[in-house]
C-alpha atoms as a PDB file:
ATOM      1  CA  MET A   1       0.000   0.000   0.000  1.00  0.00           C
ATOM      2  CA  ARG A   2       1.484   3.312  -1.108  1.00  0.00           C
ATOM      3  CA  ALA A   3      -0.124   6.466   0.241  1.00  0.00           C
ATOM      4  CA  ALA A   4       0.520  10.195  -0.008  1.00  0.00           C
ATOM      5  CA  VAL A   5      -0.846  13.193   1.857  1.00  0.00           C
ATOM      6  CA  VAL A   6      -2.751  15.763  -0.217  1.00  0.00           C
ATOM      7  CA  ILE A   7      -3.435  19.170   1.375  1.00  0.00           C
ATOM      8  CA  PRO A   8      -5.586  21.645  -0.595  1.00  0.00           C
ATOM      9  CA  GLY A   9      -5.242  25.252   0.544  1.00  0.00           C
ATOM     10  CA  TYR A  10      -6.640  28.651  -0.313  1.00  0.00           C
ATOM     11  CA  ASN A  11      -5.526  31.702   1.683  1.00  0.00           C
ATOM     12  CA  HIS A  12      -4.453  29.539   4.618  1.00  0.00           C
ATOM     13  CA  GLY A  13      -1.121  31.262   5.168  1.00  0.00           C
ATOM     14  CA  GLN A  14      -1.697  31.518   8.913  1.00  0.00           C
ATOM     15  CA  ARG A  15      -1.910  27.776   9.462  1.00  0.00           C
ATOM     16  CA  ILE A  16      -0.735  25.810   6.454  1.00  0.00           C
ATOM     17  CA  ALA A  17       2.904  25.529   7.526  1.00  0.00           C
ATOM     18  CA  ALA A  18       1.905  24.073  10.900  1.00  0.00           C
ATOM     19  CA  VAL A  19      -0.435  21.585   9.202  1.00  0.00           C
ATOM     20  CA  VAL A  20       2.368  20.429   6.893  1.00  0.00           C
ATOM     21  CA  GLN A  21       4.772  20.070   9.811  1.00  0.00           C
ATOM     22  CA  GLU A  22       2.279  17.859  11.667  1.00  0.00           C
ATOM     23  CA  ALA A  23       1.634  15.830   8.511  1.00  0.00           C
ATOM     24  CA  ARG A  24       5.362  15.063   8.235  1.00  0.00           C
ATOM     25  CA  GLU A  25       4.985  12.770  11.248  1.00  0.00           C
ATOM     26  CA  LEU A  26       3.090  10.318   9.029  1.00  0.00           C
ATOM     27  CA  ASP A  27       6.282   9.792   7.005  1.00  0.00           C
ATOM     28  CA  LEU A  28       4.426   9.944   3.681  1.00  0.00           C
ATOM     29  CA  PRO A  29       5.013  12.014   0.534  1.00  0.00           C
ATOM     30  CA  ILE A  30       3.195  15.346   0.869  1.00  0.00           C
ATOM     31  CA  PHE A  31       1.506  17.208  -1.985  1.00  0.00           C
ATOM     32  CA  VAL A  32       0.201  20.701  -1.209  1.00  0.00           C
ATOM     33  CA  VAL A  33      -2.082  22.387  -3.733  1.00  0.00           C
ATOM     34  CA  ASP A  34      -2.177  26.187  -3.487  1.00  0.00           C
ATOM     35  CA  ASP A  35      -5.509  26.967  -5.112  1.00  0.00           C
ATOM     36  CA  GLY A  36      -4.753  30.496  -6.313  1.00  0.00           C
ATOM     37  CA  SER A  37      -4.098  32.019  -2.882  1.00  0.00           C
ATOM     38  CA  THR A  38      -3.712  35.792  -2.667  1.00  0.00           C
ATOM     39  CA  ASP A  39      -2.270  35.938   0.859  1.00  0.00           C
ATOM     40  CA  ASP A  40       1.150  34.687   1.998  1.00  0.00           C
ATOM     41  CA  THR A  41       0.352  30.986   1.519  1.00  0.00           C
ATOM     42  CA  ALA A  42       2.942  30.669  -1.262  1.00  0.00           C
ATOM     43  CA  ALA A  43       5.581  32.384   0.866  1.00  0.00           C
ATOM     44  CA  GLN A  44       4.874  30.078   3.787  1.00  0.00           C
ATOM     45  CA  LEU A  45       5.125  26.994   1.582  1.00  0.00           C
ATOM     46  CA  ALA A  46       8.413  28.243   0.131  1.00  0.00           C
ATOM     47  CA  THR A  47       9.991  27.916   3.585  1.00  0.00           C
ATOM     48  CA  LEU A  48       9.220  24.180   3.716  1.00  0.00           C
ATOM     49  CA  SER A  49      11.444  21.530   2.191  1.00  0.00           C
ATOM     50  CA  GLY A  50      10.741  17.969   1.172  1.00  0.00           C
ATOM     51  CA  ILE A  51       7.194  18.548  -0.109  1.00  0.00           C
ATOM     52  CA  THR A  52       5.665  18.930  -3.561  1.00  0.00           C
ATOM     53  CA  VAL A  53       3.846  22.223  -4.071  1.00  0.00           C
ATOM     54  CA  LEU A  54       1.345  22.521  -6.932  1.00  0.00           C
ATOM     55  CA  ARG A  55      -0.301  25.836  -7.734  1.00  0.00           C
ATOM     56  CA  HIS A  56      -3.407  27.040  -9.544  1.00  0.00           C
ATOM     57  CA  GLU A  57      -2.914  30.541 -10.895  1.00  0.00           C
ATOM     58  CA  VAL A  58      -6.531  31.383 -10.071  1.00  0.00           C
ATOM     59  CA  ASN A  59      -8.862  29.883  -7.486  1.00  0.00           C
ATOM     60  CA  GLN A  60     -10.698  26.895  -8.960  1.00  0.00           C
ATOM     61  CA  GLY A  61     -12.286  25.364  -5.857  1.00  0.00           C
ATOM     62  CA  LYS A  62     -11.490  22.656  -3.346  1.00  0.00           C
ATOM     63  CA  GLY A  63     -12.581  19.826  -5.629  1.00  0.00           C
ATOM     64  CA  ALA A  64     -10.320  21.057  -8.406  1.00  0.00           C
ATOM     65  CA  ALA A  65      -7.425  21.329  -5.951  1.00  0.00           C
ATOM     66  CA  LEU A  66      -8.026  17.779  -4.729  1.00  0.00           C
ATOM     67  CA  LEU A  67      -8.067  16.447  -8.287  1.00  0.00           C
ATOM     68  CA  THR A  68      -4.787  18.209  -9.051  1.00  0.00           C
ATOM     69  CA  GLY A  69      -3.245  16.634  -5.975  1.00  0.00           C
ATOM     70  CA  PHE A  70      -4.705  13.209  -6.763  1.00  0.00           C
ATOM     71  CA  THR A  71      -3.383  13.262 -10.310  1.00  0.00           C
ATOM     72  CA  ALA A  72       0.119  14.115  -9.133  1.00  0.00           C
ATOM     73  CA  ALA A  73       0.057  11.562  -6.301  1.00  0.00           C
ATOM     74  CA  ALA A  74      -1.294   8.782  -8.537  1.00  0.00           C
ATOM     75  CA  ALA A  75       2.001   8.637 -10.417  1.00  0.00           C
ATOM     76  CA  THR A  76       3.625   6.955  -7.411  1.00  0.00           C
ATOM     77  CA  CYS A  77       0.846   6.147  -4.914  1.00  0.00           C
ATOM     78  CA  ASP A  78      -2.453   4.283  -4.819  1.00  0.00           C
ATOM     79  CA  TYR A  79      -4.054   6.134  -1.873  1.00  0.00           C
ATOM     80  CA  ALA A  80      -4.367   9.822  -1.014  1.00  0.00           C
ATOM     81  CA  LEU A  81      -4.927  10.990   2.562  1.00  0.00           C
ATOM     82  CA  THR A  82      -6.567  14.416   2.415  1.00  0.00           C
ATOM     83  CA  ILE A  83      -6.126  16.934   5.225  1.00  0.00           C
ATOM     84  CA  ASP A  84      -7.657  20.412   5.342  1.00  0.00           C
ATOM     85  CA  ALA A  85      -5.220  23.322   5.599  1.00  0.00           C
ATOM     86  CA  ASP A  86      -7.168  25.247   8.244  1.00  0.00           C
ATOM     87  CA  GLY A  87      -5.841  23.341  11.251  1.00  0.00           C
ATOM     88  CA  GLN A  88      -9.180  21.656  11.962  1.00  0.00           C
ATOM     89  CA  HIS A  89      -7.721  18.159  11.677  1.00  0.00           C
ATOM     90  CA  ARG A  90      -5.052  16.265  13.573  1.00  0.00           C
ATOM     91  CA  PRO A  91      -2.882  14.633  10.886  1.00  0.00           C
ATOM     92  CA  ALA A  92      -1.823  11.912  13.331  1.00  0.00           C
ATOM     93  CA  ASP A  93      -5.394  10.552  13.137  1.00  0.00           C
ATOM     94  CA  GLY A  94      -4.535   9.491   9.608  1.00  0.00           C
ATOM     95  CA  ARG A  95      -2.783   6.442  11.066  1.00  0.00           C
ATOM     96  CA  ALA A  96      -6.166   4.942  11.973  1.00  0.00           C
ATOM     97  CA  LEU A  97      -7.447   5.367   8.415  1.00  0.00           C
ATOM     98  CA  LEU A  98      -4.264   3.905   6.951  1.00  0.00           C
ATOM     99  CA  ALA A  99      -4.404   0.921   9.314  1.00  0.00           C
ATOM    100  CA  LEU A 100      -7.983   0.135   8.319  1.00  0.00           C
ATOM    101  CA  ALA A 101      -7.140   0.351   4.614  1.00  0.00           C
ATOM    102  CA  ARG A 102      -4.302  -2.122   5.101  1.00  0.00           C
ATOM    103  CA  GLN A 103      -6.796  -4.750   6.251  1.00  0.00           C
ATOM    104  CA  GLY A 104      -7.807  -5.294   2.639  1.00  0.00           C
ATOM    105  CA  GLY A 105     -10.218  -4.194  -0.032  1.00  0.00           C
ATOM    106  CA  ARG A 106     -10.176  -0.786  -1.664  1.00  0.00           C
ATOM    107  CA  PRO A 107     -12.529   1.301   0.506  1.00  0.00           C
ATOM    108  CA  LEU A 108     -13.030   5.044   0.617  1.00  0.00           C
ATOM    109  CA  LEU A 109     -12.399   6.002   4.254  1.00  0.00           C
ATOM    110  CA  VAL A 110     -13.997   9.059   5.853  1.00  0.00           C
ATOM    111  CA  GLY A 111     -12.934  10.642   9.136  1.00  0.00           C
ATOM    112  CA  ASN A 112     -16.058  11.026  11.268  1.00  0.00           C
ATOM    113  CA  ARG A 113     -15.493  14.214  13.298  1.00  0.00           C
ATOM    114  CA  GLN A 114     -16.264  13.789  16.999  1.00  0.00           C
ATOM    115  CA  ASP A 115     -17.304  16.422  19.557  1.00  0.00           C
ATOM    116  CA  MET A 116     -19.236  18.531  17.061  1.00  0.00           C
ATOM    117  CA  GLU A 117     -21.175  19.968  20.008  1.00  0.00           C
ATOM    118  CA  GLN A 118     -18.108  21.744  21.378  1.00  0.00           C
ATOM    119  CA  GLU A 119     -18.209  25.469  22.062  1.00  0.00           C
ATOM    120  CA  HIS A 120     -16.747  26.934  18.877  1.00  0.00           C
ATOM    121  CA  VAL A 121     -18.498  24.726  16.316  1.00  0.00           C
ATOM    122  CA  PRO A 122     -20.877  26.997  14.324  1.00  0.00           C
ATOM    123  CA  TRP A 123     -24.475  25.850  13.973  1.00  0.00           C
ATOM    124  CA  THR A 124     -24.087  25.982  10.193  1.00  0.00           C
ATOM    125  CA  SER A 125     -21.506  23.173  10.396  1.00  0.00           C
ATOM    126  CA  ARG A 126     -23.761  20.946  12.489  1.00  0.00           C
ATOM    127  CA  PHE A 127     -26.847  21.640  10.370  1.00  0.00           C
ATOM    128  CA  GLY A 128     -24.911  21.319   7.133  1.00  0.00           C
ATOM    129  CA  ARG A 129     -23.573  17.934   8.107  1.00  0.00           C
ATOM    130  CA  GLU A 130     -27.005  16.491   8.906  1.00  0.00           C
ATOM    131  CA  PHE A 131     -28.518  18.044   5.775  1.00  0.00           C
ATOM    132  CA  SER A 132     -25.760  16.629   3.604  1.00  0.00           C
ATOM    133  CA  ASN A 133     -25.866  13.157   5.205  1.00  0.00           C
ATOM    134  CA  PHE A 134     -29.549  12.817   4.369  1.00  0.00           C
ATOM    135  CA  TRP A 135     -29.301  13.987   0.775  1.00  0.00           C
ATOM    136  CA  VAL A 136     -26.230  11.877   0.041  1.00  0.00           C
ATOM    137  CA  TRP A 137     -28.348   8.846   0.936  1.00  0.00           C
ATOM    138  CA  VAL A 138     -31.359  10.074  -1.085  1.00  0.00           C
ATOM    139  CA  ALA A 139     -29.107  10.617  -4.093  1.00  0.00           C
ATOM    140  CA  GLY A 140     -28.036   6.979  -3.978  1.00  0.00           C
ATOM    141  CA  GLY A 141     -24.968   7.271  -1.816  1.00  0.00           C
ATOM    142  CA  PRO A 142     -24.022   5.464   1.405  1.00  0.00           C
ATOM    143  CA  ARG A 143     -25.454   6.097   4.857  1.00  0.00           C
ATOM    144  CA  VAL A 144     -22.702   8.021   6.619  1.00  0.00           C
ATOM    145  CA  MET A 145     -22.383  10.145   9.733  1.00  0.00           C
ATOM    146  CA  ASP A 146     -20.088  12.837   8.307  1.00  0.00           C
ATOM    147  CA  SER A 147     -20.458  13.367   4.585  1.00  0.00           C
ATOM    148  CA  GLN A 148     -18.764  16.789   4.773  1.00  0.00           C
ATOM    149  CA  SER A 149     -15.546  15.704   6.442  1.00  0.00           C
ATOM    150  CA  GLY A 150     -12.469  16.659   4.451  1.00  0.00           C
ATOM    151  CA  PHE A 151     -10.254  14.181   6.307  1.00  0.00           C
ATOM    152  CA  ARG A 152     -10.371  11.131   4.047  1.00  0.00           C
ATOM    153  CA  LEU A 153      -8.367   8.328   2.522  1.00  0.00           C
ATOM    154  CA  TYR A 154      -9.193   8.009  -1.178  1.00  0.00           C
ATOM    155  CA  PRO A 155      -8.278   4.944  -3.266  1.00  0.00           C
ATOM    156  CA  LEU A 156      -6.437   5.958  -6.420  1.00  0.00           C
ATOM    157  CA  PRO A 157      -6.997   5.568  -9.343  1.00  0.00           C
ATOM    158  CA  GLU A 158     -10.589   4.465  -8.633  1.00  0.00           C
ATOM    159  CA  VAL A 159     -11.684   7.931  -7.530  1.00  0.00           C
ATOM    160  CA  LEU A 160     -10.076   9.580 -10.541  1.00  0.00           C
ATOM    161  CA  ASP A 161     -12.127   7.256 -12.759  1.00  0.00           C
ATOM    162  CA  LEU A 162     -15.427   8.424 -11.215  1.00  0.00           C
ATOM    163  CA  GLN A 163     -15.406  11.642 -13.289  1.00  0.00           C
ATOM    164  CA  VAL A 164     -16.888  13.778 -10.530  1.00  0.00           C
ATOM    165  CA  GLN A 165     -18.264  17.008 -11.991  1.00  0.00           C
ATOM    166  CA  ALA A 166     -18.265  19.290  -8.935  1.00  0.00           C
ATOM    167  CA  ARG A 167     -15.113  21.356  -8.492  1.00  0.00           C
ATOM    168  CA  ARG A 168     -15.776  23.127  -5.193  1.00  0.00           C
ATOM    169  CA  TYR A 169     -16.882  21.862  -1.769  1.00  0.00           C
ATOM    170  CA  GLN A 170     -19.539  19.739  -3.477  1.00  0.00           C
ATOM    171  CA  PHE A 171     -16.834  17.417  -4.786  1.00  0.00           C
ATOM    172  CA  GLU A 172     -16.717  15.695  -1.409  1.00  0.00           C
ATOM    173  CA  VAL A 173     -20.403  14.776  -1.365  1.00  0.00           C
ATOM    174  CA  GLU A 174     -20.617  13.894  -5.035  1.00  0.00           C
ATOM    175  CA  VAL A 175     -17.693  11.501  -4.790  1.00  0.00           C
ATOM    176  CA  LEU A 176     -19.502   9.583  -2.037  1.00  0.00           C
ATOM    177  CA  VAL A 177     -22.537   9.073  -4.264  1.00  0.00           C
ATOM    178  CA  ARG A 178     -20.578   8.109  -7.344  1.00  0.00           C
ATOM    179  CA  ALA A 179     -18.280   5.766  -5.440  1.00  0.00           C
ATOM    180  CA  HIS A 180     -21.228   3.985  -3.827  1.00  0.00           C
ATOM    181  CA  ARG A 181     -22.944   3.561  -7.189  1.00  0.00           C
ATOM    182  CA  GLN A 182     -19.748   1.994  -8.540  1.00  0.00           C
ATOM    183  CA  GLY A 183     -19.522  -0.499  -5.673  1.00  0.00           C
ATOM    184  CA  ILE A 184     -16.718   1.205  -3.752  1.00  0.00           C
ATOM    185  CA  GLU A 185     -17.257   0.628  -0.036  1.00  0.00           C
ATOM    186  CA  THR A 186     -17.309   3.677   2.264  1.00  0.00           C
ATOM    187  CA  LEU A 187     -16.143   3.239   5.847  1.00  0.00           C
ATOM    188  CA  GLU A 188     -15.921   5.810   8.639  1.00  0.00           C
ATOM    189  CA  VAL A 189     -13.277   6.214  11.329  1.00  0.00           C
ATOM    190  CA  PRO A 190     -13.668   8.491  14.380  1.00  0.00           C
ATOM    191  CA  ILE A 191     -11.287  11.465  14.343  1.00  0.00           C
ATOM    192  CA  ARG A 192     -10.676  14.523  16.475  1.00  0.00           C
ATOM    193  CA  VAL A 193     -11.629  18.015  15.359  1.00  0.00           C
ATOM    194  CA  VAL A 194     -10.439  21.475  16.404  1.00  0.00           C
ATOM    195  CA  TYR A 195     -12.587  24.557  15.855  1.00  0.00           C
ATOM    196  CA  GLN A 196     -10.822  27.806  16.623  1.00  0.00           C
ATOM    197  CA  PRO A 197     -12.851  30.667  18.159  1.00  0.00           C
ATOM    198  CA  ARG A 198     -14.747  32.939  15.812  1.00  0.00           C
ATOM    199  CA  GLY A 199     -12.309  35.440  14.354  1.00  0.00           C
ATOM    200  CA  GLU A 200      -9.402  32.991  14.443  1.00  0.00           C
ATOM    201  CA  ARG A 201     -11.022  30.298  12.314  1.00  0.00           C
ATOM    202  CA  ILE A 202     -10.162  30.347   8.601  1.00  0.00           C
ATOM    203  CA  SER A 203     -13.148  29.288   6.533  1.00  0.00           C
ATOM    204  CA  HIS A 204     -14.207  30.045   2.984  1.00  0.00           C
ATOM    205  CA  PHE A 205     -17.546  28.316   3.365  1.00  0.00           C
ATOM    206  CA  ARG A 206     -20.440  30.688   2.610  1.00  0.00           C
ATOM    207  CA  PRO A 207     -23.685  29.172   3.949  1.00  0.00           C
ATOM    208  CA  TRP A 208     -26.244  30.462   1.443  1.00  0.00           C
ATOM    209  CA  ARG A 209     -24.052  30.385  -1.640  1.00  0.00           C
ATOM    210  CA  ASP A 210     -22.763  26.911  -0.874  1.00  0.00           C
ATOM    211  CA  PHE A 211     -26.240  25.732   0.148  1.00  0.00           C
ATOM    212  CA  MET A 212     -27.432  26.583  -3.371  1.00  0.00           C
ATOM    213  CA  ARG A 213     -24.455  24.827  -4.915  1.00  0.00           C
ATOM    214  CA  ASN A 214     -25.149  21.765  -2.758  1.00  0.00           C
ATOM    215  CA  ALA A 215     -28.811  21.816  -3.800  1.00  0.00           C
ATOM    216  CA  HIS A 216     -27.818  21.916  -7.474  1.00  0.00           C
ATOM    217  CA  THR A 217     -25.415  18.999  -7.060  1.00  0.00           C
ATOM    218  CA  PHE A 218     -27.940  16.868  -5.194  1.00  0.00           C
ATOM    219  CA  ALA A 219     -30.683  17.684  -7.709  1.00  0.00           C
ATOM    220  CA  ARG A 220     -28.419  16.548 -10.531  1.00  0.00           C
ATOM    221  CA  LEU A 221     -27.514  13.311  -8.763  1.00  0.00           C
ATOM    222  CA  ILE A 222     -31.103  12.544  -7.730  1.00  0.00           C
ATOM    223  CA  CYS A 223     -32.357  13.083 -11.288  1.00  0.00           C
ATOM    224  CA  ALA A 224     -29.666  10.702 -12.503  1.00  0.00           C
ATOM    225  CA  ARG A 225     -30.865   8.115 -10.003  1.00  0.00           C
ATOM    226  CA  LEU A 226     -34.591   8.515 -10.678  1.00  0.00           C
ATOM    227  CA  PHE A 227     -34.593   8.948 -14.439  1.00  0.00           C
ATOM    228  CA  GLY A 228     -31.518   7.002 -15.438  1.00  0.00           C
ATOM    229  CA  TRP A 229     -29.511  10.009 -16.563  1.00  0.00           C
ATOM    230  CA  LYS A 230     -25.823   9.268 -16.645  1.00  0.00           C
ATOM    231  CA  PRO A 231     -24.070  12.636 -16.356  1.00  0.00           C
ATOM    232  CA  TRP A 232     -20.783  10.918 -15.592  1.00  0.00           C
ATOM    233  CA  LYS A 233     -20.778   8.895 -18.784  1.00  0.00           C
END
């Protein structure tokens, strides 16, 4: 089993270096995708050695950044462990996902964030997770507890072959549906989560805008399920 770490980032200059340093402890190749950042993300990454930095000249979205990282990692690895650049995840938790994958099969592993009732977790995150879990299932995906978690272990090249259309946050829910429809098992592993206080937390999620994008993605997937449309063919 050959795995790499893929970290997508957009204007995460305040935290991305610390995330990379923690990810080094996994002793895996690290691919960081700078998705058109306009802050000092590039400068922070330039201070780090021993990693592969890929850059989009303009912001294309988290899904696009993940696909860029997956494509690069697939040349030498068959799994990609994705870690958000905002400091929300503990990279060391990746060991549990890697251990489960080594037991056999080619599952897609999702880190199920615990303690989502803690003080600094915004209500939009809790509501969004429950909303997304339900509609992933309705669209023909698996029953999961945390469909919006960005801490995952993706099997390559299977995920690249799914031809996911979404290029922003919706990539992560669409890939669950498409993978399930193609017979790829989805398993969840409990992980820790850290939410910084309001004002310190770096988030580019915009509730209403991204709610509409989610609704569009789910509508497309549900229509494909109900009426036999095959938008990925």
